[in-house]
Amino acid sequence: MSIPFTIALDDGEVIRGEVRVPAGTTPVSAVVVVHGFKGFRRWGFFPHSCDALASDGHAVVSFDFSLNGIGPDGESFTRLEAFERNTLSREVNELLRVLHEVRSGNLGLEPPRRIGVLGHSRGGGIAVLASREDAVRRPGGDAALHPGGHSGQAGPDALVTWAAVARFGTWSEELKAEWRRNGRIHVPNSRTGQQLPLGRGLLDDFETNRERLDVEGAARELANFDVPWLIVHGEDDPTVSEADARQLAGAHPGATLELVPGAGHTFGARHPFEGSGPELDRVLDSTRRHFRRHLSRDG
């Protein structure tokens, strides 16, 4: 069963999503799924992956960031003016808001005992940043009060990242100069042929909030908390280098690193989805085991 939801934001924008609930059960755990740059909750492998996670007994929450550019049909980039206004800090804030709504039982769910987060690509980096802030903000999450870490009370109960970025802000000085001069740059969407605008606000946000948006630093800080983390990355990823996965694992020695031979950025999946192959099957199997282990035990 799938339950649609909307979360109204203070600026008039809306987060749209859906919750998959395993039939005939009242789930005690939830997994929040985070799409990446130029992504959306109905892209390619997301519905298939959400169905697989729900079959393990989790409530699965997938959503679109409010300014990801997707229109009311949930699949088409018709809101380019919204895409242009998006920022990294906004995405962190929106993921934190979704986590709050899940914990509060405001999405048609009973408040779960445990919550996992799964993020892909840029969404993986956002998941790391939000998980760090969630761990620090929640009761028991002050690292200064828990110098040995492992408070057991703060942050998500499990984290998985697929092909996650280890850092933001890798733009060249020439590109940043053009960005400031013109107020925007454009990036191609190879699937649709569209030129998608990025407003200067994205650059300004990163430069103003470098510390908050430091993914590697957040990974290092997460090591102080009891958040089991599985890092999955394709060895042949042309979009986000395998080196990013190694960098994240190096920052968080307690994380588990799984490199998938021959796999690219989306583990063989396309949009529209044409079915799962061996690479995606392997990634999903590892992800499901991780969440079963850390979310399904008795509370």
C-alpha atoms as a PDB file:
ATOM      1  CA  MET A   1       0.000   0.000   0.000  1.00  0.00           C
ATOM      2  CA  SER A   2       1.246   3.469  -0.901  1.00  0.00           C
ATOM      3  CA  ILE A   3       0.135   6.585   0.991  1.00  0.00           C
ATOM      4  CA  PRO A   4       0.785   9.977  -0.693  1.00  0.00           C
ATOM      5  CA  PHE A   5       1.711  12.942   1.465  1.00  0.00           C
ATOM      6  CA  THR A   6       2.582  16.610   1.205  1.00  0.00           C
ATOM      7  CA  ILE A   7       4.533  18.783   3.627  1.00  0.00           C
ATOM      8  CA  ALA A   8       3.822  22.505   3.318  1.00  0.00           C
ATOM      9  CA  LEU A   9       6.860  24.745   3.787  1.00  0.00           C
ATOM     10  CA  ASP A  10       6.942  28.288   5.123  1.00  0.00           C
ATOM     11  CA  ASP A  11       7.789  29.822   1.734  1.00  0.00           C
ATOM     12  CA  GLY A  12       4.773  28.265   0.003  1.00  0.00           C
ATOM     13  CA  GLU A  13       6.674  25.368  -1.562  1.00  0.00           C
ATOM     14  CA  VAL A  14       5.673  21.760  -0.935  1.00  0.00           C
ATOM     15  CA  ILE A  15       7.535  18.491  -0.372  1.00  0.00           C
ATOM     16  CA  ARG A  16       5.628  15.705  -2.127  1.00  0.00           C
ATOM     17  CA  GLY A  17       6.166  12.064  -1.394  1.00  0.00           C
ATOM     18  CA  GLU A  18       4.692   8.706  -0.615  1.00  0.00           C
ATOM     19  CA  VAL A  19       4.947   6.095   2.078  1.00  0.00           C
ATOM     20  CA  ARG A  20       5.001   2.406   1.205  1.00  0.00           C
ATOM     21  CA  VAL A  21       3.608   0.268   3.992  1.00  0.00           C
ATOM     22  CA  PRO A  22       3.970  -3.538   3.949  1.00  0.00           C
ATOM     23  CA  ALA A  23       0.568  -5.168   3.564  1.00  0.00           C
ATOM     24  CA  GLY A  24      -1.057  -6.580   6.675  1.00  0.00           C
ATOM     25  CA  THR A  25       1.511  -5.256   9.141  1.00  0.00           C
ATOM     26  CA  THR A  26       2.156  -2.258  11.367  1.00  0.00           C
ATOM     27  CA  PRO A  27       5.820  -1.445  10.705  1.00  0.00           C
ATOM     28  CA  VAL A  28       8.035  -0.541  13.641  1.00  0.00           C
ATOM     29  CA  SER A  29      10.840   0.778  11.418  1.00  0.00           C
ATOM     30  CA  ALA A  30      11.035   3.284   8.583  1.00  0.00           C
ATOM     31  CA  VAL A  31      13.528   4.009   5.800  1.00  0.00           C
ATOM     32  CA  VAL A  32      13.725   7.491   4.252  1.00  0.00           C
ATOM     33  CA  VAL A  33      15.011   7.479   0.653  1.00  0.00           C
ATOM     34  CA  VAL A  34      16.831  10.535  -0.757  1.00  0.00           C
ATOM     35  CA  HIS A  35      17.236  11.205  -4.485  1.00  0.00           C
ATOM     36  CA  GLY A  36      20.191  13.015  -5.992  1.00  0.00           C
ATOM     37  CA  PHE A  37      20.936  15.869  -8.395  1.00  0.00           C
ATOM     38  CA  LYS A  38      18.582  15.841 -11.398  1.00  0.00           C
ATOM     39  CA  GLY A  39      16.835  12.961  -9.644  1.00  0.00           C
ATOM     40  CA  PHE A  40      13.331  12.428  -8.283  1.00  0.00           C
ATOM     41  CA  ARG A  41      11.533   9.812  -6.215  1.00  0.00           C
ATOM     42  CA  ARG A  42      10.069   8.005  -9.232  1.00  0.00           C
ATOM     43  CA  TRP A  43      13.335   7.849 -11.177  1.00  0.00           C
ATOM     44  CA  GLY A  44      14.549   4.471 -12.392  1.00  0.00           C
ATOM     45  CA  PHE A  45      15.475   2.182  -9.534  1.00  0.00           C
ATOM     46  CA  PHE A  46      13.782   4.110  -6.709  1.00  0.00           C
ATOM     47  CA  PRO A  47      10.269   2.589  -6.873  1.00  0.00           C
ATOM     48  CA  HIS A  48      11.718  -0.915  -7.281  1.00  0.00           C
ATOM     49  CA  SER A  49      14.132  -0.364  -4.380  1.00  0.00           C
ATOM     50  CA  CYS A  50      11.415   1.087  -2.163  1.00  0.00           C
ATOM     51  CA  ASP A  51       9.170  -1.899  -2.865  1.00  0.00           C
ATOM     52  CA  ALA A  52      12.010  -4.266  -1.959  1.00  0.00           C
ATOM     53  CA  LEU A  53      12.684  -2.479   1.331  1.00  0.00           C
ATOM     54  CA  ALA A  54       8.971  -2.422   2.177  1.00  0.00           C
ATOM     55  CA  SER A  55       8.802  -6.180   1.604  1.00  0.00           C
ATOM     56  CA  ASP A  56      11.235  -6.509   4.537  1.00  0.00           C
ATOM     57  CA  GLY A  57       8.670  -4.923   6.833  1.00  0.00           C
ATOM     58  CA  HIS A  58       9.841  -1.299   6.833  1.00  0.00           C
ATOM     59  CA  ALA A  59       7.668   1.679   6.073  1.00  0.00           C
ATOM     60  CA  VAL A  60       9.516   3.342   3.188  1.00  0.00           C
ATOM     61  CA  VAL A  61       9.298   7.111   2.730  1.00  0.00           C
ATOM     62  CA  SER A  62      10.351   8.536  -0.641  1.00  0.00           C
ATOM     63  CA  PHE A  63       9.997  12.199  -1.522  1.00  0.00           C
ATOM     64  CA  ASP A  64      10.982  14.939  -3.952  1.00  0.00           C
ATOM     65  CA  PHE A  65      12.909  17.939  -2.712  1.00  0.00           C
ATOM     66  CA  SER A  66      10.594  20.912  -3.140  1.00  0.00           C
ATOM     67  CA  LEU A  67      12.835  22.657  -5.695  1.00  0.00           C
ATOM     68  CA  ASN A  68      14.093  19.625  -7.636  1.00  0.00           C
ATOM     69  CA  GLY A  69      12.318  20.928 -10.741  1.00  0.00           C
ATOM     70  CA  ILE A  70       9.778  18.125 -11.078  1.00  0.00           C
ATOM     71  CA  GLY A  71       6.205  19.119 -11.881  1.00  0.00           C
ATOM     72  CA  PRO A  72       2.876  17.783 -10.621  1.00  0.00           C
ATOM     73  CA  ASP A  73       3.122  14.602 -12.726  1.00  0.00           C
ATOM     74  CA  GLY A  74       6.067  13.490 -10.561  1.00  0.00           C
ATOM     75  CA  GLU A  75       8.361  12.805 -13.536  1.00  0.00           C
ATOM     76  CA  SER A  76       8.821  15.835 -15.817  1.00  0.00           C
ATOM     77  CA  PHE A  77      11.190  18.758 -15.322  1.00  0.00           C
ATOM     78  CA  THR A  78       8.605  21.503 -15.845  1.00  0.00           C
ATOM     79  CA  ARG A  79       9.572  23.738 -12.896  1.00  0.00           C
ATOM     80  CA  LEU A  80      12.918  25.032 -14.103  1.00  0.00           C
ATOM     81  CA  GLU A  81      12.493  28.287 -12.163  1.00  0.00           C
ATOM     82  CA  ALA A  82      12.267  26.182  -8.987  1.00  0.00           C
ATOM     83  CA  PHE A  83      15.332  24.139  -9.975  1.00  0.00           C
ATOM     84  CA  GLU A  84      17.235  27.407 -10.373  1.00  0.00           C
ATOM     85  CA  ARG A  85      16.406  28.456  -6.792  1.00  0.00           C
ATOM     86  CA  ASN A  86      17.486  25.246  -5.080  1.00  0.00           C
ATOM     87  CA  THR A  87      20.421  25.140  -2.640  1.00  0.00           C
ATOM     88  CA  LEU A  88      22.312  22.474  -0.716  1.00  0.00           C
ATOM     89  CA  SER A  89      21.361  23.937   2.666  1.00  0.00           C
ATOM     90  CA  ARG A  90      17.721  23.812   1.675  1.00  0.00           C
ATOM     91  CA  GLU A  91      17.987  20.110   0.856  1.00  0.00           C
ATOM     92  CA  VAL A  92      19.605  19.387   4.231  1.00  0.00           C
ATOM     93  CA  ASN A  93      16.813  21.310   5.941  1.00  0.00           C
ATOM     94  CA  GLU A  94      14.131  19.489   3.987  1.00  0.00           C
ATOM     95  CA  LEU A  95      15.540  16.057   4.792  1.00  0.00           C
ATOM     96  CA  LEU A  96      15.663  17.009   8.476  1.00  0.00           C
ATOM     97  CA  ARG A  97      12.024  18.102   8.191  1.00  0.00           C
ATOM     98  CA  VAL A  98      11.021  14.780   6.642  1.00  0.00           C
ATOM     99  CA  LEU A  99      12.813  12.888   9.422  1.00  0.00           C
ATOM    100  CA  HIS A 100      10.947  14.984  11.980  1.00  0.00           C
ATOM    101  CA  GLU A 101       7.590  14.284  10.335  1.00  0.00           C
ATOM    102  CA  VAL A 102       8.301  10.545  10.231  1.00  0.00           C
ATOM    103  CA  ARG A 103       9.300  10.465  13.897  1.00  0.00           C
ATOM    104  CA  SER A 104       6.227  12.480  14.852  1.00  0.00           C
ATOM    105  CA  GLY A 105       3.810  10.119  13.120  1.00  0.00           C
ATOM    106  CA  ASN A 106       2.580  12.880  10.797  1.00  0.00           C
ATOM    107  CA  LEU A 107       2.735  10.983   7.489  1.00  0.00           C
ATOM    108  CA  GLY A 108       0.010   8.439   8.179  1.00  0.00           C
ATOM    109  CA  LEU A 109       2.394   6.234  10.156  1.00  0.00           C
ATOM    110  CA  GLU A 110       2.767   5.302  13.765  1.00  0.00           C
ATOM    111  CA  PRO A 111       6.018   6.817  15.083  1.00  0.00           C
ATOM    112  CA  PRO A 112       8.644   4.167  14.252  1.00  0.00           C
ATOM    113  CA  ARG A 113      11.053   2.746  16.808  1.00  0.00           C
ATOM    114  CA  ARG A 114      13.953   3.013  14.355  1.00  0.00           C
ATOM    115  CA  ILE A 115      14.686   5.033  11.230  1.00  0.00           C
ATOM    116  CA  GLY A 116      17.149   4.386   8.418  1.00  0.00           C
ATOM    117  CA  VAL A 117      18.278   6.770   5.679  1.00  0.00           C
ATOM    118  CA  LEU A 118      19.273   5.778   2.124  1.00  0.00           C
ATOM    119  CA  GLY A 119      20.756   8.426  -0.182  1.00  0.00           C
ATOM    120  CA  HIS A 120      22.051   8.245  -3.759  1.00  0.00           C
ATOM    121  CA  SER A 121      24.724  10.475  -5.334  1.00  0.00           C
ATOM    122  CA  ARG A 122      24.246  14.092  -4.203  1.00  0.00           C
ATOM    123  CA  GLY A 123      21.416  12.731  -2.064  1.00  0.00           C
ATOM    124  CA  GLY A 124      24.019  10.532  -0.379  1.00  0.00           C
ATOM    125  CA  GLY A 125      26.037  13.603   0.557  1.00  0.00           C
ATOM    126  CA  ILE A 126      22.879  15.326   1.801  1.00  0.00           C
ATOM    127  CA  ALA A 127      22.039  12.202   3.824  1.00  0.00           C
ATOM    128  CA  VAL A 128      25.447  12.315   5.528  1.00  0.00           C
ATOM    129  CA  LEU A 129      25.088  16.014   6.352  1.00  0.00           C
ATOM    130  CA  ALA A 130      21.550  15.640   7.697  1.00  0.00           C
ATOM    131  CA  SER A 131      22.458  12.513   9.669  1.00  0.00           C
ATOM    132  CA  ARG A 132      25.284  14.404  11.376  1.00  0.00           C
ATOM    133  CA  GLU A 133      22.961  17.291  12.278  1.00  0.00           C
ATOM    134  CA  ASP A 134      20.235  14.903  13.383  1.00  0.00           C
ATOM    135  CA  ALA A 135      22.711  13.129  15.659  1.00  0.00           C
ATOM    136  CA  VAL A 136      23.938  16.376  17.198  1.00  0.00           C
ATOM    137  CA  ARG A 137      20.501  17.939  17.671  1.00  0.00           C
ATOM    138  CA  ARG A 138      18.549  15.044  19.142  1.00  0.00           C
ATOM    139  CA  PRO A 139      18.537  14.167  22.877  1.00  0.00           C
ATOM    140  CA  GLY A 140      21.800  12.481  23.790  1.00  0.00           C
ATOM    141  CA  GLY A 141      23.437  13.856  20.684  1.00  0.00           C
ATOM    142  CA  ASP A 142      25.895  16.327  22.167  1.00  0.00           C
ATOM    143  CA  ALA A 143      29.275  14.831  21.360  1.00  0.00           C
ATOM    144  CA  ALA A 144      30.837  16.877  24.170  1.00  0.00           C
ATOM    145  CA  LEU A 145      28.689  14.959  26.644  1.00  0.00           C
ATOM    146  CA  HIS A 146      29.641  11.629  25.077  1.00  0.00           C
ATOM    147  CA  PRO A 147      33.389  11.864  24.467  1.00  0.00           C
ATOM    148  CA  GLY A 148      33.569   8.157  23.677  1.00  0.00           C
ATOM    149  CA  GLY A 149      30.743   8.413  21.175  1.00  0.00           C
ATOM    150  CA  HIS A 150      28.065   5.742  20.793  1.00  0.00           C
ATOM    151  CA  SER A 151      25.366   7.545  22.749  1.00  0.00           C
ATOM    152  CA  GLY A 152      22.813   5.166  21.267  1.00  0.00           C
ATOM    153  CA  GLN A 153      20.193   7.931  21.374  1.00  0.00           C
ATOM    154  CA  ALA A 154      20.930  10.324  18.551  1.00  0.00           C
ATOM    155  CA  GLY A 155      20.718  10.388  14.773  1.00  0.00           C
ATOM    156  CA  PRO A 156      19.237   7.812  12.426  1.00  0.00           C
ATOM    157  CA  ASP A 157      19.595   4.183  13.475  1.00  0.00           C
ATOM    158  CA  ALA A 158      21.212   3.156  10.171  1.00  0.00           C
ATOM    159  CA  LEU A 159      22.613   4.921   7.108  1.00  0.00           C
ATOM    160  CA  VAL A 160      23.264   3.635   3.573  1.00  0.00           C
ATOM    161  CA  THR A 161      24.762   5.699   0.760  1.00  0.00           C
ATOM    162  CA  TRP A 162      24.916   4.694  -2.893  1.00  0.00           C
ATOM    163  CA  ALA A 163      27.515   6.427  -5.106  1.00  0.00           C
ATOM    164  CA  ALA A 164      27.652   9.329  -2.652  1.00  0.00           C
ATOM    165  CA  VAL A 165      29.701  12.451  -3.164  1.00  0.00           C
ATOM    166  CA  ALA A 166      32.403  13.096  -0.568  1.00  0.00           C
ATOM    167  CA  ARG A 167      32.482  16.853  -1.125  1.00  0.00           C
ATOM    168  CA  PHE A 168      30.549  19.705  -2.692  1.00  0.00           C
ATOM    169  CA  GLY A 169      31.893  22.845  -4.307  1.00  0.00           C
ATOM    170  CA  THR A 170      34.301  21.306  -6.815  1.00  0.00           C
ATOM    171  CA  TRP A 171      33.560  23.995  -9.430  1.00  0.00           C
ATOM    172  CA  SER A 172      36.499  25.624 -11.188  1.00  0.00           C
ATOM    173  CA  GLU A 173      37.372  29.266 -10.564  1.00  0.00           C
ATOM    174  CA  GLU A 174      36.508  30.064 -14.192  1.00  0.00           C
ATOM    175  CA  LEU A 175      33.044  28.540 -13.819  1.00  0.00           C
ATOM    176  CA  LYS A 176      32.414  30.384 -10.557  1.00  0.00           C
ATOM    177  CA  ALA A 177      33.422  33.672 -12.185  1.00  0.00           C
ATOM    178  CA  GLU A 178      30.957  33.053 -15.025  1.00  0.00           C
ATOM    179  CA  TRP A 179      28.305  32.079 -12.482  1.00  0.00           C
ATOM    180  CA  ARG A 180      28.719  35.310 -10.543  1.00  0.00           C
ATOM    181  CA  ARG A 181      28.834  37.386 -13.721  1.00  0.00           C
ATOM    182  CA  ASN A 182      25.688  35.929 -15.306  1.00  0.00           C
ATOM    183  CA  GLY A 183      23.740  35.034 -12.189  1.00  0.00           C
ATOM    184  CA  ARG A 184      23.284  31.455 -13.368  1.00  0.00           C
ATOM    185  CA  ILE A 185      24.877  28.592 -15.249  1.00  0.00           C
ATOM    186  CA  HIS A 186      23.238  25.668 -17.028  1.00  0.00           C
ATOM    187  CA  VAL A 187      23.773  21.916 -16.795  1.00  0.00           C
ATOM    188  CA  PRO A 188      22.495  19.458 -19.395  1.00  0.00           C
ATOM    189  CA  ASN A 189      19.961  16.757 -18.666  1.00  0.00           C
ATOM    190  CA  SER A 190      21.189  14.113 -21.097  1.00  0.00           C
ATOM    191  CA  ARG A 191      17.976  12.098 -20.735  1.00  0.00           C
ATOM    192  CA  THR A 192      15.568  14.912 -21.656  1.00  0.00           C
ATOM    193  CA  GLY A 193      17.866  17.217 -23.643  1.00  0.00           C
ATOM    194  CA  GLN A 194      16.999  20.147 -21.374  1.00  0.00           C
ATOM    195  CA  GLN A 195      19.432  22.771 -20.138  1.00  0.00           C
ATOM    196  CA  LEU A 196      18.749  23.077 -16.414  1.00  0.00           C
ATOM    197  CA  PRO A 197      19.580  26.424 -14.735  1.00  0.00           C
ATOM    198  CA  LEU A 198      21.538  26.725 -11.502  1.00  0.00           C
ATOM    199  CA  GLY A 199      21.085  30.089  -9.832  1.00  0.00           C
ATOM    200  CA  ARG A 200      23.860  31.991  -8.130  1.00  0.00           C
ATOM    201  CA  GLY A 201      22.124  31.268  -4.832  1.00  0.00           C
ATOM    202  CA  LEU A 202      23.496  27.720  -4.950  1.00  0.00           C
ATOM    203  CA  LEU A 203      27.063  29.016  -5.153  1.00  0.00           C
ATOM    204  CA  ASP A 204      26.494  31.700  -2.525  1.00  0.00           C
ATOM    205  CA  ASP A 205      24.911  29.180  -0.172  1.00  0.00           C
ATOM    206  CA  PHE A 206      27.887  26.847  -0.423  1.00  0.00           C
ATOM    207  CA  GLU A 207      30.457  29.586   0.083  1.00  0.00           C
ATOM    208  CA  THR A 208      28.562  30.976   3.084  1.00  0.00           C
ATOM    209  CA  ASN A 209      27.993  27.572   4.692  1.00  0.00           C
ATOM    210  CA  ARG A 210      31.173  25.665   3.861  1.00  0.00           C
ATOM    211  CA  GLU A 211      31.509  24.135   7.304  1.00  0.00           C
ATOM    212  CA  ARG A 212      27.898  22.950   7.445  1.00  0.00           C
ATOM    213  CA  LEU A 213      28.148  21.530   3.899  1.00  0.00           C
ATOM    214  CA  ASP A 214      31.469  19.709   4.442  1.00  0.00           C
ATOM    215  CA  VAL A 215      30.492  16.093   3.720  1.00  0.00           C
ATOM    216  CA  GLU A 216      33.835  14.587   4.728  1.00  0.00           C
ATOM    217  CA  GLY A 217      33.790  16.591   7.962  1.00  0.00           C
ATOM    218  CA  ALA A 218      30.268  15.374   8.687  1.00  0.00           C
ATOM    219  CA  ALA A 219      31.385  11.798   8.062  1.00  0.00           C
ATOM    220  CA  ARG A 220      34.237  12.262  10.512  1.00  0.00           C
ATOM    221  CA  GLU A 221      31.856  13.665  13.121  1.00  0.00           C
ATOM    222  CA  LEU A 222      29.349  10.844  12.574  1.00  0.00           C
ATOM    223  CA  ALA A 223      32.048   8.456  13.765  1.00  0.00           C
ATOM    224  CA  ASN A 224      31.337   9.784  17.279  1.00  0.00           C
ATOM    225  CA  PHE A 225      27.805   8.404  17.194  1.00  0.00           C
ATOM    226  CA  ASP A 226      26.287   4.957  16.981  1.00  0.00           C
ATOM    227  CA  VAL A 227      25.046   5.237  13.367  1.00  0.00           C
ATOM    228  CA  PRO A 228      25.928   2.077  11.389  1.00  0.00           C
ATOM    229  CA  TRP A 229      26.849   3.169   7.856  1.00  0.00           C
ATOM    230  CA  LEU A 230      27.132   1.134   4.648  1.00  0.00           C
ATOM    231  CA  ILE A 231      28.962   2.913   1.802  1.00  0.00           C
ATOM    232  CA  VAL A 232      28.245   1.343  -1.606  1.00  0.00           C
ATOM    233  CA  HIS A 233      29.970   2.527  -4.784  1.00  0.00           C
ATOM    234  CA  GLY A 234      30.529   1.238  -8.321  1.00  0.00           C
ATOM    235  CA  GLU A 235      34.182   0.762  -9.264  1.00  0.00           C
ATOM    236  CA  ASP A 236      33.481   2.135 -12.764  1.00  0.00           C
ATOM    237  CA  ASP A 237      31.345   5.113 -11.766  1.00  0.00           C
ATOM    238  CA  PRO A 238      32.023   7.895 -14.335  1.00  0.00           C
ATOM    239  CA  THR A 239      29.980  10.497 -12.443  1.00  0.00           C
ATOM    240  CA  VAL A 240      31.250  10.223  -8.872  1.00  0.00           C
ATOM    241  CA  SER A 241      34.669   8.631  -8.543  1.00  0.00           C
ATOM    242  CA  GLU A 242      35.285   5.534  -6.451  1.00  0.00           C
ATOM    243  CA  ALA A 243      37.798   7.758  -4.652  1.00  0.00           C
ATOM    244  CA  ASP A 244      34.869   9.571  -3.015  1.00  0.00           C
ATOM    245  CA  ALA A 245      33.746   6.331  -1.376  1.00  0.00           C
ATOM    246  CA  ARG A 246      37.251   5.663  -0.094  1.00  0.00           C
ATOM    247  CA  GLN A 247      37.457   9.230   1.209  1.00  0.00           C
ATOM    248  CA  LEU A 248      34.205   8.827   3.156  1.00  0.00           C
ATOM    249  CA  ALA A 249      35.284   5.457   4.541  1.00  0.00           C
ATOM    250  CA  GLY A 250      38.600   6.954   5.585  1.00  0.00           C
ATOM    251  CA  ALA A 251      36.811   9.721   7.456  1.00  0.00           C
ATOM    252  CA  HIS A 252      34.565   7.219   9.257  1.00  0.00           C
ATOM    253  CA  PRO A 253      36.616   4.108  10.126  1.00  0.00           C
ATOM    254  CA  GLY A 254      33.546   2.349  11.506  1.00  0.00           C
ATOM    255  CA  ALA A 255      31.695   2.477   8.188  1.00  0.00           C
ATOM    256  CA  THR A 256      31.481  -0.565   5.913  1.00  0.00           C
ATOM    257  CA  LEU A 257      32.749   0.026   2.363  1.00  0.00           C
ATOM    258  CA  GLU A 258      31.432  -2.134  -0.475  1.00  0.00           C
ATOM    259  CA  LEU A 259      32.805  -1.550  -3.973  1.00  0.00           C
ATOM    260  CA  VAL A 260      30.852  -3.147  -6.817  1.00  0.00           C
ATOM    261  CA  PRO A 261      33.071  -4.348  -9.708  1.00  0.00           C
ATOM    262  CA  GLY A 262      31.998  -3.108 -13.127  1.00  0.00           C
ATOM    263  CA  ALA A 263      29.174  -0.964 -11.748  1.00  0.00           C
ATOM    264  CA  GLY A 264      28.485   2.582 -12.833  1.00  0.00           C
ATOM    265  CA  HIS A 265      26.677   5.435 -11.153  1.00  0.00           C
ATOM    266  CA  THR A 266      23.211   3.868 -11.221  1.00  0.00           C
ATOM    267  CA  PHE A 267      24.280   0.203 -10.957  1.00  0.00           C
ATOM    268  CA  GLY A 268      22.971  -0.654 -14.416  1.00  0.00           C
ATOM    269  CA  ALA A 269      19.537   0.943 -13.985  1.00  0.00           C
ATOM    270  CA  ARG A 270      17.923   3.420 -16.377  1.00  0.00           C
ATOM    271  CA  HIS A 271      14.818   5.559 -16.572  1.00  0.00           C
ATOM    272  CA  PRO A 272      12.241   4.388 -17.489  1.00  0.00           C
ATOM    273  CA  PHE A 273      13.108   1.353 -15.385  1.00  0.00           C
ATOM    274  CA  GLU A 274      13.664  -1.794 -17.445  1.00  0.00           C
ATOM    275  CA  GLY A 275      14.230  -4.217 -14.598  1.00  0.00           C
ATOM    276  CA  SER A 276      16.987  -5.021 -12.163  1.00  0.00           C
ATOM    277  CA  GLY A 277      20.314  -6.548 -13.185  1.00  0.00           C
ATOM    278  CA  PRO A 278      23.064  -8.276 -11.217  1.00  0.00           C
ATOM    279  CA  GLU A 279      24.719  -5.034 -10.067  1.00  0.00           C
ATOM    280  CA  LEU A 280      21.533  -3.495  -8.659  1.00  0.00           C
ATOM    281  CA  ASP A 281      20.537  -6.866  -7.196  1.00  0.00           C
ATOM    282  CA  ARG A 282      23.817  -7.003  -5.291  1.00  0.00           C
ATOM    283  CA  VAL A 283      23.458  -3.436  -4.029  1.00  0.00           C
ATOM    284  CA  LEU A 284      19.900  -4.036  -2.902  1.00  0.00           C
ATOM    285  CA  ASP A 285      20.811  -7.295  -1.178  1.00  0.00           C
ATOM    286  CA  SER A 286      23.556  -5.568   0.819  1.00  0.00           C
ATOM    287  CA  THR A 287      21.285  -2.639   1.647  1.00  0.00           C
ATOM    288  CA  ARG A 288      18.446  -4.876   2.796  1.00  0.00           C
ATOM    289  CA  ARG A 289      20.773  -6.885   5.028  1.00  0.00           C
ATOM    290  CA  HIS A 290      22.124  -3.694   6.584  1.00  0.00           C
ATOM    291  CA  PHE A 291      18.675  -2.345   7.366  1.00  0.00           C
ATOM    292  CA  ARG A 292      17.386  -5.710   8.591  1.00  0.00           C
ATOM    293  CA  ARG A 293      20.291  -5.956  10.988  1.00  0.00           C
ATOM    294  CA  HIS A 294      20.023  -2.467  12.426  1.00  0.00           C
ATOM    295  CA  LEU A 295      16.324  -1.615  12.129  1.00  0.00           C
ATOM    296  CA  SER A 296      14.434  -4.867  12.594  1.00  0.00           C
ATOM    297  CA  ARG A 297      15.720  -5.964  15.994  1.00  0.00           C
ATOM    298  CA  ASP A 298      13.438  -5.577  19.030  1.00  0.00           C
ATOM    299  CA  GLY A 299      13.322  -2.062  20.420  1.00  0.00           C
END
